[in-house]
Protein backbone atom coordinates (compact mmCIF):
# COMPACT_ATOMS: atom_id res chain seq x y z
CA MET A 1 -35.19 -103.07 12.17
CA ILE A 2 -36.30 -100.27 9.71
CA ILE A 3 -33.47 -98.80 7.71
CA LEU A 4 -33.39 -95.57 5.86
CA GLY A 5 -30.75 -95.93 3.25
CA ILE A 6 -29.49 -92.83 1.27
CA ASP A 7 -27.55 -92.28 -1.85
CA PRO A 8 -26.56 -88.53 -1.53
CA GLY A 9 -26.51 -86.08 -4.20
CA THR A 10 -27.75 -82.45 -4.78
CA ALA A 11 -29.45 -83.06 -8.02
CA ILE A 12 -30.84 -86.56 -7.06
CA THR A 13 -30.84 -87.99 -3.63
CA GLY A 14 -31.95 -91.62 -3.73
CA TYR A 15 -33.66 -93.07 -0.68
CA GLY A 16 -34.87 -96.53 0.35
CA ILE A 17 -36.72 -97.61 3.46
CA VAL A 18 -36.59 -101.28 4.15
CA GLU A 19 -37.60 -103.33 7.15
CA PHE A 20 -35.27 -106.39 7.98
CA ILE A 21 -36.69 -108.94 10.32
CA GLY A 22 -34.77 -112.25 10.77
CA ASN A 23 -33.50 -112.90 7.28
CA ARG A 24 -36.32 -111.21 5.47
CA PHE A 25 -36.59 -107.79 3.71
CA LYS A 26 -39.80 -105.87 3.36
CA VAL A 27 -39.63 -102.73 1.17
CA ILE A 28 -41.61 -99.96 2.73
CA ASP A 29 -40.89 -97.08 0.50
CA TYR A 30 -38.33 -95.81 -2.02
CA GLY A 31 -37.81 -92.90 -4.31
CA LYS A 32 -35.91 -89.81 -5.13
CA ILE A 33 -35.51 -86.18 -3.99
CA LEU A 34 -35.00 -83.90 -7.01
CA THR A 35 -33.65 -80.45 -6.92
CA SER A 36 -33.10 -78.07 -9.80
CA ASN A 37 -29.74 -76.88 -10.96
CA ASP A 38 -31.40 -73.46 -11.29
CA LEU A 39 -31.75 -73.15 -7.51
CA PRO A 40 -29.09 -71.90 -5.04
CA LEU A 41 -27.22 -74.58 -3.28
CA ALA A 42 -28.72 -73.60 0.11
CA THR A 43 -32.11 -73.98 -1.29
CA ARG A 44 -31.50 -77.32 -2.72
CA LEU A 45 -30.02 -78.60 0.60
CA LYS A 46 -32.99 -77.18 2.41
CA LYS A 47 -35.35 -79.28 0.05
CA ILE A 48 -33.28 -82.47 0.70
CA TYR A 49 -33.34 -81.81 4.38
CA PHE A 50 -37.14 -81.27 4.74
CA LYS A 51 -37.94 -84.25 2.63
CA LEU A 52 -35.67 -86.41 4.90
CA GLU A 53 -37.45 -84.90 7.96
CA ASP A 54 -40.84 -85.98 6.36
CA LEU A 55 -39.47 -89.55 5.70
CA ILE A 56 -38.11 -89.92 9.31
CA GLU A 57 -41.29 -88.55 10.84
CA LYS A 58 -43.53 -90.88 8.71
CA TYR A 59 -41.57 -94.11 8.84
CA LYS A 60 -39.64 -93.80 12.08
CA PRO A 61 -36.52 -95.66 10.72
CA GLU A 62 -34.15 -97.08 13.53
CA HIS A 63 -31.04 -96.71 11.37
CA LEU A 64 -29.69 -94.29 8.97
CA VAL A 65 -27.24 -95.57 6.40
CA VAL A 66 -25.35 -93.37 3.92
CA GLU A 67 -22.87 -94.20 1.12
CA GLU A 68 -19.43 -92.90 1.92
CA LEU A 69 -18.15 -90.15 -0.38
CA PHE A 70 -16.32 -91.50 -3.40
CA PHE A 71 -13.73 -89.08 -4.77
CA ASN A 72 -13.25 -89.21 -8.46
CA LYS A 73 -11.68 -86.73 -10.74
CA ASN A 74 -14.53 -84.23 -10.45
CA THR A 75 -13.82 -82.42 -7.21
CA ARG A 76 -16.68 -80.04 -7.77
CA THR A 77 -19.08 -83.07 -7.82
CA ALA A 78 -17.52 -84.59 -4.69
CA LEU A 79 -17.91 -81.24 -2.90
CA SER A 80 -21.54 -80.98 -3.81
CA VAL A 81 -22.24 -84.63 -2.67
CA GLY A 82 -20.37 -83.67 0.44
CA HIS A 83 -22.79 -80.89 1.28
CA ALA A 84 -25.69 -83.23 0.73
CA ARG A 85 -24.08 -85.84 3.05
CA GLY A 86 -23.81 -83.25 5.69
CA ILE A 87 -27.39 -82.38 5.51
CA ILE A 88 -28.33 -86.17 5.69
CA LEU A 89 -26.08 -86.72 8.70
CA LEU A 90 -27.54 -83.63 10.29
CA ALA A 91 -31.02 -85.03 9.88
CA GLY A 92 -30.07 -88.38 11.46
CA ALA A 93 -28.24 -86.64 14.42
CA ILE A 94 -31.20 -84.46 15.13
CA HIS A 95 -33.45 -87.55 15.45
CA ASN A 96 -30.74 -89.44 17.44
CA MET A 97 -30.58 -92.08 14.86
CA PRO A 98 -27.45 -94.35 14.81
CA THR A 99 -25.79 -93.58 11.48
CA PHE A 100 -23.74 -95.96 9.47
CA GLU A 101 -21.53 -95.48 6.46
CA TYR A 102 -20.40 -97.94 3.67
CA THR A 103 -18.17 -97.58 0.75
CA PRO A 104 -19.35 -98.53 -2.62
CA LEU A 105 -16.96 -101.48 -2.57
CA GLN A 106 -18.62 -102.74 0.66
CA VAL A 107 -22.09 -102.41 -0.76
CA LYS A 108 -21.15 -104.36 -3.94
CA GLN A 109 -19.53 -107.04 -1.78
CA ALA A 110 -22.54 -107.29 0.39
CA VAL A 111 -25.17 -107.24 -2.45
CA VAL A 112 -23.37 -109.21 -5.18
CA GLY A 113 -20.65 -110.98 -3.34
CA TYR A 114 -17.95 -109.20 -5.43
CA GLY A 115 -16.66 -105.76 -4.74
CA ARG A 116 -15.89 -104.92 -8.25
CA ALA A 117 -19.38 -105.80 -9.53
CA GLU A 118 -20.89 -103.76 -12.34
CA LYS A 119 -23.77 -101.46 -11.65
CA LYS A 120 -26.21 -103.60 -13.51
CA GLN A 121 -25.24 -106.61 -11.46
CA VAL A 122 -25.98 -104.78 -8.29
CA GLN A 123 -29.32 -103.45 -9.45
CA GLU A 124 -30.49 -106.89 -10.53
CA MET A 125 -29.43 -108.37 -7.10
CA VAL A 126 -31.34 -105.52 -5.35
CA ARG A 127 -34.46 -106.42 -7.42
CA ILE A 128 -34.02 -110.13 -6.59
CA ILE A 129 -33.20 -109.74 -2.85
CA LEU A 130 -36.05 -107.24 -2.27
CA ASN A 131 -38.40 -109.08 -4.47
CA LEU A 132 -39.29 -106.19 -6.79
CA GLU A 133 -40.91 -106.46 -10.20
CA LYS A 134 -38.28 -104.28 -11.81
CA ILE A 135 -35.16 -102.48 -11.05
CA PRO A 136 -35.80 -99.14 -9.36
CA LYS A 137 -34.85 -96.12 -11.31
CA PRO A 138 -33.00 -93.82 -11.29
CA ASP A 139 -29.66 -95.48 -10.35
CA ASP A 140 -29.58 -93.52 -7.20
CA VAL A 141 -32.76 -95.11 -5.81
CA ALA A 142 -31.28 -98.63 -6.48
CA ASP A 143 -28.09 -97.63 -4.84
CA ALA A 144 -30.02 -96.44 -1.63
CA LEU A 145 -31.88 -99.78 -1.49
CA ALA A 146 -28.50 -101.63 -2.07
CA ILE A 147 -27.01 -99.80 0.97
CA THR A 148 -29.92 -100.88 3.15
CA ILE A 149 -29.12 -104.48 2.14
CA CYS A 150 -25.48 -104.15 2.85
CA HIS A 151 -26.34 -102.61 6.25
CA ALA A 152 -28.82 -105.34 7.24
CA HIS A 153 -26.32 -108.12 6.64
CA SER A 154 -23.35 -106.10 8.08
CA TYR A 155 -25.13 -105.12 11.18
CA LYS A 156 -26.45 -108.72 11.77
CA LEU A 157 -22.98 -110.08 11.30
CA ASN A 158 -21.40 -107.51 13.67
CA LYS A 159 -23.95 -108.32 16.33
CA LEU A 160 -23.06 -112.04 15.98
CA ILE A 161 -19.33 -111.42 16.08
CA PHE A 162 -19.33 -108.97 19.00
CA LYS A 163 -22.35 -110.52 20.71
CA GLU A 164 -24.23 -107.19 21.00
CA ASP A 165 -27.90 -106.93 21.84
């Protein structure tokens, strides 16, 4: 199964593309989509959308996985991230990709085994699980890879529990 994991944002959108076969992970690609604060929001969203289109066309992921929106005190940031999430979900829907969402707590639990783990712990576990030489930077990229790990384990477990094909 090829998974496209996304950590949404308008300034930085992290992505990770990972293949999961049996119990093995193979990193295919990862990186970031950067947009400038100087650009209008619509232009920034268009850039994110077309980069995702390129990734989907190139790697043909089977599942799209996105981090659920986490509301903090900055509602403006949350709204901005919400716009990016909408574009990401649209790209998945256009390609008829099954889309899954996980909370930061679920991701930390799946990757580290503890839902309140520190960001550094998650990043180090991503590096170890995916057999990377160093922790992917910026944080958004490591988060995108973490959500692919979360999905791989969660999806496999759900298939076993619910005896899905």
